Amino acid sequence: MLPQKNWRTFFRTALQNLRQHALSAFFLARHPRTPVLARLLLVLIVAYAFSPIDFIPDFIPILGQLDDLLFVSLGIFIVRQLVSASLWNECADMAKTTLAKPPSSKVGLFIVIALWLIIISLSVYYFI
């Protein structure tokens, strides 16, 4: 049995890889050289991921999320087989550069801070 630290490292790496593959698939869906069949499959993958109807319902603790993870990963694997390696690598490089730089938006920061100030002000007003 592996120590707990190795399991954490394994799952952290797996989640980072899934995040990068999902972003690569997003860029692939928007790329003009992507075949129609691959785009259609990507649309079906996203529809299944966001659909409230699943093979195993999500309220079942682990199996509900496991089937989503399995089908999304399998779908991305199939899409990866349908496109050329150079096209996938191009989209994967775009995903790596996007994930490497931290998101920065001064407008977004202002909106988040303004919303928090409004929520805090309304809470204080309500309780006083």
N, C-alpha and C. Protein backbone atom coordinates (compact mmCIF):
# COMPACT_ATOMS: atom_id res chain seq x y z
N MET A 1 0.84 -1.18 0.00
CA MET A 1 0.00 0.00 0.00
C MET A 1 0.88 1.24 0.00
N LEU A 2 0.52 2.24 -0.82
CA LEU A 2 1.31 3.44 -0.93
C LEU A 2 1.04 4.38 0.23
N PRO A 3 2.06 5.11 0.67
CA PRO A 3 1.83 6.13 1.71
C PRO A 3 0.89 7.21 1.20
N GLN A 4 0.28 7.91 2.14
CA GLN A 4 -0.72 8.92 1.80
C GLN A 4 -0.13 10.05 0.95
N LYS A 5 1.12 10.38 1.17
CA LYS A 5 1.74 11.47 0.42
C LYS A 5 1.80 11.13 -1.06
N ASN A 6 2.08 9.87 -1.39
CA ASN A 6 2.14 9.48 -2.79
C ASN A 6 0.76 9.54 -3.45
N TRP A 7 -0.29 9.19 -2.71
CA TRP A 7 -1.64 9.29 -3.25
C TRP A 7 -2.01 10.74 -3.53
N ARG A 8 -1.64 11.62 -2.62
CA ARG A 8 -1.92 13.05 -2.83
C ARG A 8 -1.21 13.54 -4.07
N THR A 9 0.05 13.17 -4.22
CA THR A 9 0.81 13.58 -5.39
C THR A 9 0.19 13.02 -6.66
N PHE A 10 -0.22 11.76 -6.60
CA PHE A 10 -0.84 11.12 -7.76
C PHE A 10 -2.11 11.85 -8.17
N PHE A 11 -3.00 12.11 -7.22
CA PHE A 11 -4.26 12.77 -7.55
C PHE A 11 -4.05 14.23 -7.97
N ARG A 12 -3.10 14.91 -7.36
CA ARG A 12 -2.82 16.28 -7.76
C ARG A 12 -2.33 16.32 -9.21
N THR A 13 -1.43 15.41 -9.56
CA THR A 13 -0.92 15.33 -10.93
C THR A 13 -2.03 14.96 -11.90
N ALA A 14 -2.87 14.00 -11.51
CA ALA A 14 -3.97 13.57 -12.38
C ALA A 14 -4.94 14.72 -12.63
N LEU A 15 -5.26 15.50 -11.60
CA LEU A 15 -6.16 16.63 -11.78
C LEU A 15 -5.55 17.72 -12.65
N GLN A 16 -4.25 17.96 -12.49
CA GLN A 16 -3.59 18.95 -13.34
C GLN A 16 -3.59 18.49 -14.80
N ASN A 17 -3.35 17.20 -15.03
CA ASN A 17 -3.37 16.68 -16.39
C ASN A 17 -4.77 16.76 -16.99
N LEU A 18 -5.77 16.42 -16.19
CA LEU A 18 -7.15 16.51 -16.69
C LEU A 18 -7.51 17.95 -17.01
N ARG A 19 -7.09 18.87 -16.18
CA ARG A 19 -7.34 20.29 -16.43
C ARG A 19 -6.69 20.74 -17.73
N GLN A 20 -5.44 20.31 -17.95
CA GLN A 20 -4.75 20.69 -19.18
C GLN A 20 -5.40 20.05 -20.40
N HIS A 21 -5.80 18.77 -20.29
CA HIS A 21 -6.44 18.10 -21.42
C HIS A 21 -7.80 18.72 -21.74
N ALA A 22 -8.54 19.11 -20.71
CA ALA A 22 -9.84 19.74 -20.95
C ALA A 22 -9.66 21.09 -21.65
N LEU A 23 -8.66 21.86 -21.23
CA LEU A 23 -8.41 23.13 -21.88
C LEU A 23 -7.89 22.92 -23.30
N SER A 24 -7.09 21.89 -23.50
CA SER A 24 -6.63 21.55 -24.85
C SER A 24 -7.81 21.19 -25.74
N ALA A 25 -8.76 20.44 -25.20
CA ALA A 25 -9.96 20.07 -25.95
C ALA A 25 -10.79 21.31 -26.29
N PHE A 26 -10.84 22.27 -25.38
CA PHE A 26 -11.55 23.52 -25.66
C PHE A 26 -10.91 24.25 -26.83
N PHE A 27 -9.58 24.36 -26.81
CA PHE A 27 -8.88 25.02 -27.91
C PHE A 27 -9.04 24.22 -29.20
N LEU A 28 -9.07 22.91 -29.10
CA LEU A 28 -9.24 22.04 -30.26
C LEU A 28 -10.61 22.25 -30.89
N ALA A 29 -11.63 22.41 -30.07
CA ALA A 29 -12.98 22.61 -30.59
C ALA A 29 -13.10 23.93 -31.36
N ARG A 30 -12.28 24.90 -31.00
CA ARG A 30 -12.34 26.21 -31.66
C ARG A 30 -11.36 26.35 -32.81
N HIS A 31 -10.51 25.34 -32.99
CA HIS A 31 -9.48 25.41 -34.03
C HIS A 31 -10.10 25.13 -35.40
N PRO A 32 -9.73 25.90 -36.43
CA PRO A 32 -10.35 25.70 -37.75
C PRO A 32 -9.98 24.38 -38.43
N ARG A 33 -8.85 23.77 -38.08
CA ARG A 33 -8.44 22.53 -38.73
C ARG A 33 -9.01 21.28 -38.06
N THR A 34 -9.82 21.44 -37.03
CA THR A 34 -10.39 20.29 -36.33
C THR A 34 -11.47 19.64 -37.19
N PRO A 35 -11.41 18.32 -37.36
CA PRO A 35 -12.44 17.63 -38.15
C PRO A 35 -13.83 17.76 -37.52
N VAL A 36 -14.84 17.66 -38.35
CA VAL A 36 -16.22 17.83 -37.89
C VAL A 36 -16.60 16.74 -36.88
N LEU A 37 -16.18 15.51 -37.11
CA LEU A 37 -16.51 14.42 -36.19
C LEU A 37 -15.92 14.67 -34.80
N ALA A 38 -14.70 15.18 -34.75
CA ALA A 38 -14.07 15.48 -33.46
C ALA A 38 -14.81 16.62 -32.76
N ARG A 39 -15.22 17.62 -33.50
CA ARG A 39 -15.99 18.73 -32.90
C ARG A 39 -17.32 18.23 -32.35
N LEU A 40 -17.99 17.38 -33.11
CA LEU A 40 -19.26 16.83 -32.67
C LEU A 40 -19.09 16.02 -31.39
N LEU A 41 -18.04 15.22 -31.34
CA LEU A 41 -17.78 14.43 -30.14
C LEU A 41 -17.46 15.33 -28.95
N LEU A 42 -16.72 16.42 -29.18
CA LEU A 42 -16.44 17.36 -28.09
C LEU A 42 -17.71 18.00 -27.56
N VAL A 43 -18.62 18.33 -28.46
CA VAL A 43 -19.90 18.91 -28.03
C VAL A 43 -20.68 17.89 -27.19
N LEU A 44 -20.67 16.62 -27.62
CA LEU A 44 -21.36 15.59 -26.85
C LEU A 44 -20.72 15.38 -25.48
N ILE A 45 -19.40 15.46 -25.40
CA ILE A 45 -18.70 15.31 -24.12
C ILE A 45 -19.11 16.42 -23.16
N VAL A 46 -19.11 17.64 -23.65
CA VAL A 46 -19.49 18.78 -22.81
C VAL A 46 -20.95 18.67 -22.40
N ALA A 47 -21.80 18.26 -23.33
CA ALA A 47 -23.22 18.12 -23.01
C ALA A 47 -23.42 17.05 -21.94
N TYR A 48 -22.69 15.94 -22.03
CA TYR A 48 -22.82 14.90 -21.01
C TYR A 48 -22.30 15.39 -19.67
N ALA A 49 -21.19 16.13 -19.69
CA ALA A 49 -20.60 16.59 -18.44
C ALA A 49 -21.53 17.55 -17.71
N PHE A 50 -22.27 18.37 -18.43
CA PHE A 50 -23.15 19.35 -17.79
C PHE A 50 -24.60 18.88 -17.69
N SER A 51 -24.91 17.74 -18.26
CA SER A 51 -26.27 17.24 -18.24
C SER A 51 -26.64 16.72 -16.86
N PRO A 52 -27.87 16.97 -16.42
CA PRO A 52 -28.30 16.41 -15.13
C PRO A 52 -28.63 14.91 -15.24
N ILE A 53 -28.72 14.40 -16.46
CA ILE A 53 -29.03 12.98 -16.67
C ILE A 53 -27.73 12.23 -16.88
N ASP A 54 -27.45 11.27 -16.00
CA ASP A 54 -26.22 10.48 -16.06
C ASP A 54 -26.56 9.00 -16.05
N PHE A 55 -25.58 8.18 -16.40
CA PHE A 55 -25.76 6.73 -16.28
C PHE A 55 -25.86 6.34 -14.81
N ILE A 56 -24.99 6.91 -13.99
CA ILE A 56 -25.06 6.71 -12.54
C ILE A 56 -25.32 8.09 -11.94
N PRO A 57 -26.41 8.28 -11.22
CA PRO A 57 -26.75 9.61 -10.69
C PRO A 57 -25.65 10.17 -9.78
N ASP A 58 -25.50 11.48 -9.82
CA ASP A 58 -24.43 12.14 -9.06
C ASP A 58 -24.63 12.10 -7.55
N PHE A 59 -25.85 11.84 -7.09
CA PHE A 59 -26.06 11.82 -5.64
C PHE A 59 -25.51 10.55 -5.00
N ILE A 60 -25.14 9.56 -5.80
CA ILE A 60 -24.44 8.39 -5.25
C ILE A 60 -23.00 8.80 -5.04
N PRO A 61 -22.50 8.77 -3.81
CA PRO A 61 -21.28 9.47 -3.42
C PRO A 61 -20.08 9.38 -4.36
N ILE A 62 -19.53 8.25 -4.62
CA ILE A 62 -18.29 8.22 -5.41
C ILE A 62 -18.56 7.79 -6.84
N LEU A 63 -19.44 6.85 -7.02
CA LEU A 63 -19.72 6.33 -8.37
C LEU A 63 -20.33 7.38 -9.28
N GLY A 64 -21.10 8.31 -8.72
CA GLY A 64 -21.73 9.35 -9.52
C GLY A 64 -20.72 10.27 -10.20
N GLN A 65 -19.68 10.62 -9.50
CA GLN A 65 -18.65 11.46 -10.10
C GLN A 65 -17.67 10.63 -10.92
N LEU A 66 -17.50 9.36 -10.54
CA LEU A 66 -16.55 8.50 -11.25
C LEU A 66 -16.99 8.24 -12.68
N ASP A 67 -18.31 8.07 -12.92
CA ASP A 67 -18.74 7.84 -14.30
C ASP A 67 -18.56 9.10 -15.14
N ASP A 68 -18.76 10.29 -14.55
CA ASP A 68 -18.48 11.52 -15.29
C ASP A 68 -17.01 11.60 -15.67
N LEU A 69 -16.16 11.34 -14.72
CA LEU A 69 -14.72 11.38 -14.97
C LEU A 69 -14.32 10.37 -16.03
N LEU A 70 -14.89 9.18 -15.96
CA LEU A 70 -14.56 8.12 -16.92
C LEU A 70 -15.00 8.50 -18.32
N PHE A 71 -16.25 8.95 -18.48
CA PHE A 71 -16.75 9.26 -19.82
C PHE A 71 -16.07 10.49 -20.41
N VAL A 72 -15.80 11.50 -19.60
CA VAL A 72 -15.12 12.69 -20.12
C VAL A 72 -13.69 12.33 -20.53
N SER A 73 -12.99 11.57 -19.70
CA SER A 73 -11.62 11.17 -20.04
C SER A 73 -11.60 10.29 -21.28
N LEU A 74 -12.53 9.34 -21.36
CA LEU A 74 -12.60 8.47 -22.53
C LEU A 74 -12.93 9.27 -23.79
N GLY A 75 -13.84 10.22 -23.67
CA GLY A 75 -14.18 11.06 -24.81
C GLY A 75 -13.00 11.89 -25.30
N ILE A 76 -12.25 12.47 -24.37
CA ILE A 76 -11.07 13.25 -24.77
C ILE A 76 -10.04 12.34 -25.40
N PHE A 77 -9.89 11.12 -24.90
CA PHE A 77 -8.96 10.16 -25.50
C PHE A 77 -9.36 9.84 -26.94
N ILE A 78 -10.66 9.62 -27.17
CA ILE A 78 -11.13 9.30 -28.53
C ILE A 78 -10.92 10.50 -29.45
N VAL A 79 -11.22 11.69 -28.97
CA VAL A 79 -11.00 12.89 -29.79
C VAL A 79 -9.53 13.03 -30.14
N ARG A 80 -8.69 12.72 -29.17
CA ARG A 80 -7.24 12.81 -29.40
C ARG A 80 -6.80 11.85 -30.50
N GLN A 81 -7.46 10.70 -30.61
CA GLN A 81 -7.13 9.74 -31.66
C GLN A 81 -7.66 10.20 -33.02
N LEU A 82 -8.71 11.02 -33.03
CA LEU A 82 -9.31 11.46 -34.29
C LEU A 82 -8.55 12.60 -34.96
N VAL A 83 -7.78 13.36 -34.20
CA VAL A 83 -7.07 14.51 -34.77
C VAL A 83 -5.60 14.15 -34.93
N SER A 84 -4.93 14.94 -35.75
CA SER A 84 -3.50 14.70 -35.96
C SER A 84 -2.71 15.08 -34.71
N ALA A 85 -1.56 14.46 -34.58
CA ALA A 85 -0.72 14.71 -33.40
C ALA A 85 -0.24 16.16 -33.38
N SER A 86 0.05 16.72 -34.56
CA SER A 86 0.53 18.10 -34.60
C SER A 86 -0.55 19.08 -34.14
N LEU A 87 -1.80 18.80 -34.54
CA LEU A 87 -2.91 19.67 -34.13
C LEU A 87 -3.14 19.57 -32.62
N TRP A 88 -3.12 18.35 -32.08
CA TRP A 88 -3.29 18.17 -30.63
C TRP A 88 -2.15 18.86 -29.88
N ASN A 89 -0.91 18.69 -30.36
CA ASN A 89 0.24 19.30 -29.69
C ASN A 89 0.15 20.82 -29.73
N GLU A 90 -0.33 21.36 -30.82
CA GLU A 90 -0.50 22.82 -30.92
C GLU A 90 -1.51 23.31 -29.88
N CYS A 91 -2.63 22.61 -29.76
CA CYS A 91 -3.65 23.00 -28.78
C CYS A 91 -3.15 22.75 -27.35
N ALA A 92 -2.38 21.68 -27.15
CA ALA A 92 -1.83 21.40 -25.81
C ALA A 92 -0.82 22.47 -25.41
N ASP A 93 -0.04 22.96 -26.35
CA ASP A 93 0.91 24.04 -26.05
C ASP A 93 0.17 25.32 -25.69
N MET A 94 -0.93 25.60 -26.40
CA MET A 94 -1.72 26.78 -26.05
C MET A 94 -2.30 26.63 -24.65
N ALA A 95 -2.72 25.43 -24.28
CA ALA A 95 -3.27 25.19 -22.94
C ALA A 95 -2.19 25.35 -21.88
N LYS A 96 -0.97 24.85 -22.16
CA LYS A 96 0.12 24.98 -21.19
C LYS A 96 0.47 26.44 -20.95
N THR A 97 0.54 27.23 -22.02
CA THR A 97 0.88 28.64 -21.83
C THR A 97 -0.25 29.38 -21.12
N THR A 98 -1.49 29.00 -21.37
CA THR A 98 -2.61 29.63 -20.69
C THR A 98 -2.61 29.30 -19.21
N LEU A 99 -2.32 28.05 -18.87
CA LEU A 99 -2.29 27.64 -17.46
C LEU A 99 -1.06 28.15 -16.74
N ALA A 100 0.02 28.44 -17.47
CA ALA A 100 1.27 28.88 -16.85
C ALA A 100 1.16 30.31 -16.32
N LYS A 101 0.44 31.16 -17.03
CA LYS A 101 0.33 32.55 -16.59
C LYS A 101 -0.90 32.70 -15.69
N PRO A 102 -0.75 33.36 -14.58
CA PRO A 102 -1.90 33.54 -13.70
C PRO A 102 -2.90 34.51 -14.31
N PRO A 103 -4.18 34.27 -14.10
CA PRO A 103 -5.17 35.18 -14.65
C PRO A 103 -5.12 36.53 -13.94
N SER A 104 -5.17 37.58 -14.71
CA SER A 104 -5.15 38.91 -14.12
C SER A 104 -6.13 39.81 -14.88
N SER A 105 -7.07 40.32 -14.15
CA SER A 105 -8.05 41.22 -14.71
C SER A 105 -8.39 42.25 -13.64
N LYS A 106 -8.03 43.48 -13.88
CA LYS A 106 -8.31 44.53 -12.91
C LYS A 106 -9.80 44.80 -12.82
N VAL A 107 -10.50 44.67 -13.93
CA VAL A 107 -11.96 44.86 -13.92
C VAL A 107 -12.62 43.75 -13.10
N GLY A 108 -12.17 42.50 -13.32
CA GLY A 108 -12.71 41.38 -12.55
C GLY A 108 -12.44 41.53 -11.07
N LEU A 109 -11.23 41.99 -10.72
CA LEU A 109 -10.88 42.21 -9.32
C LEU A 109 -11.79 43.28 -8.71
N PHE A 110 -12.01 44.36 -9.45
CA PHE A 110 -12.89 45.42 -8.98
C PHE A 110 -14.31 44.91 -8.76
N ILE A 111 -14.82 44.10 -9.68
CA ILE A 111 -16.18 43.57 -9.56
C ILE A 111 -16.30 42.67 -8.33
N VAL A 112 -15.31 41.79 -8.12
CA VAL A 112 -15.36 40.89 -6.97
C VAL A 112 -15.30 41.68 -5.67
N ILE A 113 -14.40 42.64 -5.58
CA ILE A 113 -14.30 43.45 -4.36
C ILE A 113 -15.58 44.25 -4.13
N ALA A 114 -16.14 44.81 -5.21
CA ALA A 114 -17.38 45.58 -5.08
C ALA A 114 -18.53 44.69 -4.60
N LEU A 115 -18.62 43.48 -5.14
CA LEU A 115 -19.67 42.57 -4.70
C LEU A 115 -19.52 42.20 -3.23
N TRP A 116 -18.30 41.93 -2.80
CA TRP A 116 -18.07 41.61 -1.39
C TRP A 116 -18.42 42.79 -0.49
N LEU A 117 -18.06 44.00 -0.91
CA LEU A 117 -18.40 45.18 -0.11
C LEU A 117 -19.91 45.38 -0.02
N ILE A 118 -20.61 45.12 -1.12
CA ILE A 118 -22.07 45.24 -1.12
C ILE A 118 -22.68 44.20 -0.20
N ILE A 119 -22.20 42.96 -0.27
CA ILE A 119 -22.73 41.89 0.58
C ILE A 119 -22.47 42.20 2.05
N ILE A 120 -21.28 42.66 2.36
CA ILE A 120 -20.96 42.99 3.75
C ILE A 120 -21.80 44.17 4.23
N SER A 121 -21.96 45.19 3.39
CA SER A 121 -22.76 46.36 3.76
C SER A 121 -24.22 45.98 3.99
N LEU A 122 -24.78 45.16 3.11
CA LEU A 122 -26.17 44.75 3.28
C LEU A 122 -26.34 43.87 4.52
N SER A 123 -25.36 43.04 4.79
CA SER A 123 -25.42 42.18 6.00
C SER A 123 -25.37 43.04 7.26
N VAL A 124 -24.50 44.01 7.30
CA VAL A 124 -24.39 44.88 8.46
C VAL A 124 -25.68 45.69 8.62
N TYR A 125 -26.20 46.22 7.52
CA TYR A 125 -27.44 47.00 7.54
C TYR A 125 -28.61 46.13 8.03
N TYR A 126 -28.66 44.89 7.57
CA TYR A 126 -29.76 44.00 7.94
C TYR A 126 -29.71 43.66 9.43
N PHE A 127 -28.52 43.41 9.95
CA PHE A 127 -28.41 42.99 11.35
C PHE A 127 -28.44 44.17 12.32
N ILE A 128 -28.25 45.39 11.86
CA ILE A 128 -28.33 46.56 12.73
C ILE A 128 -29.71 47.12 12.61
